[in-house]
């Protein structure tokens, strides 16, 4: 009984860590894309001004 509960909690922990890391990675990627788009538009605007 104890080992079963321990295994279940361990499974939940690994699932939580996996989902958290996946969420963190996706947030990082979206942030990078946003920054990249911003840099691109900024460069385009600068090019238009110059």
C-alpha atoms as a PDB file:
ATOM      1  CA  UNK A   1       0.000   0.000   0.000  1.00  0.00           C
ATOM      2  CA  UNK A   2       2.760   2.423   0.996  1.00  0.00           C
ATOM      3  CA  UNK A   3       4.910   1.586  -2.036  1.00  0.00           C
ATOM      4  CA  UNK A   4       1.891   2.005  -4.327  1.00  0.00           C
ATOM      5  CA  UNK A   5       1.167   5.470  -2.929  1.00  0.00           C
ATOM      6  CA  UNK A   6       4.854   6.342  -3.234  1.00  0.00           C
ATOM      7  CA  UNK A   7       4.896   5.213  -6.877  1.00  0.00           C
ATOM      8  CA  UNK A   8       1.748   7.237  -7.623  1.00  0.00           C
ATOM      9  CA  UNK A   9       3.183  10.374  -6.000  1.00  0.00           C
ATOM     10  CA  UNK A  10       6.433   9.861  -7.907  1.00  0.00           C
ATOM     11  CA  UNK A  11       4.465   9.536 -11.138  1.00  0.00           C
ATOM     12  CA  UNK A  12       2.536  12.720 -10.404  1.00  0.00           C
ATOM     13  CA  UNK A  13       5.790  14.503  -9.598  1.00  0.00           C
ATOM     14  CA  UNK A  14       7.433  13.461 -12.870  1.00  0.00           C
ATOM     15  CA  UNK A  15       4.266  14.371 -14.782  1.00  0.00           C
ATOM     16  CA  UNK A  16       4.203  17.795 -13.124  1.00  0.00           C
ATOM     17  CA  UNK A  17       7.898  18.381 -13.868  1.00  0.00           C
ATOM     18  CA  UNK A  18       7.440  17.293 -17.497  1.00  0.00           C
ATOM     19  CA  UNK A  19       4.405  19.520 -18.049  1.00  0.00           C
ATOM     20  CA  UNK A  20       6.125  22.432 -16.306  1.00  0.00           C
ATOM     21  CA  UNK A  21       9.272  22.101 -18.428  1.00  0.00           C
ATOM     22  CA  UNK A  22       7.136  21.812 -21.582  1.00  0.00           C
ATOM     23  CA  UNK A  23       5.207  24.945 -20.594  1.00  0.00           C
ATOM     24  CA  UNK A  24       8.463  26.758 -19.810  1.00  0.00           C
ATOM     25  CA  UNK A  25       9.950  25.771 -23.188  1.00  0.00           C
ATOM     26  CA  UNK A  26       6.863  26.863 -25.122  1.00  0.00           C
ATOM     27  CA  UNK A  27       6.798  30.178 -23.243  1.00  0.00           C
ATOM     28  CA  UNK A  28      10.487  30.675 -24.014  1.00  0.00           C
ATOM     29  CA  UNK A  29       9.909  29.928 -27.711  1.00  0.00           C
ATOM     30  CA  UNK A  30       6.936  32.304 -27.950  1.00  0.00           C
ATOM     31  CA  UNK A  31       8.927  35.008 -26.169  1.00  0.00           C
ATOM     32  CA  UNK A  32      11.832  34.502 -28.578  1.00  0.00           C
ATOM     33  CA  UNK A  33       9.463  34.693 -31.556  1.00  0.00           C
ATOM     34  CA  UNK A  34       7.907  37.901 -30.227  1.00  0.00           C
ATOM     35  CA  UNK A  35      11.321  39.492 -29.696  1.00  0.00           C
ATOM     36  CA  UNK A  36      12.428  38.355 -33.157  1.00  0.00           C
ATOM     37  CA  UNK A  37       9.302  39.834 -34.773  1.00  0.00           C
ATOM     38  CA  UNK A  38       9.809  43.071 -32.818  1.00  0.00           C
ATOM     39  CA  UNK A  39      13.436  43.310 -33.933  1.00  0.00           C
ATOM     40  CA  UNK A  40      12.390  42.634 -37.529  1.00  0.00           C
ATOM     41  CA  UNK A  41       9.678  45.324 -37.537  1.00  0.00           C
ATOM     42  CA  UNK A  42      12.020  47.754 -35.777  1.00  0.00           C
ATOM     43  CA  UNK A  43      14.686  47.159 -38.421  1.00  0.00           C
ATOM     44  CA  UNK A  44      12.091  47.597 -41.183  1.00  0.00           C
ATOM     45  CA  UNK A  45      10.872  50.845 -39.615  1.00  0.00           C
ATOM     46  CA  UNK A  46      14.455  52.092 -39.280  1.00  0.00           C
ATOM     47  CA  UNK A  47      15.083  51.157 -42.897  1.00  0.00           C
ATOM     48  CA  UNK A  48      12.008  53.118 -43.979  1.00  0.00           C
ATOM     49  CA  UNK A  49      13.066  56.153 -41.951  1.00  0.00           C
ATOM     50  CA  UNK A  50      16.629  56.016 -43.279  1.00  0.00           C
END
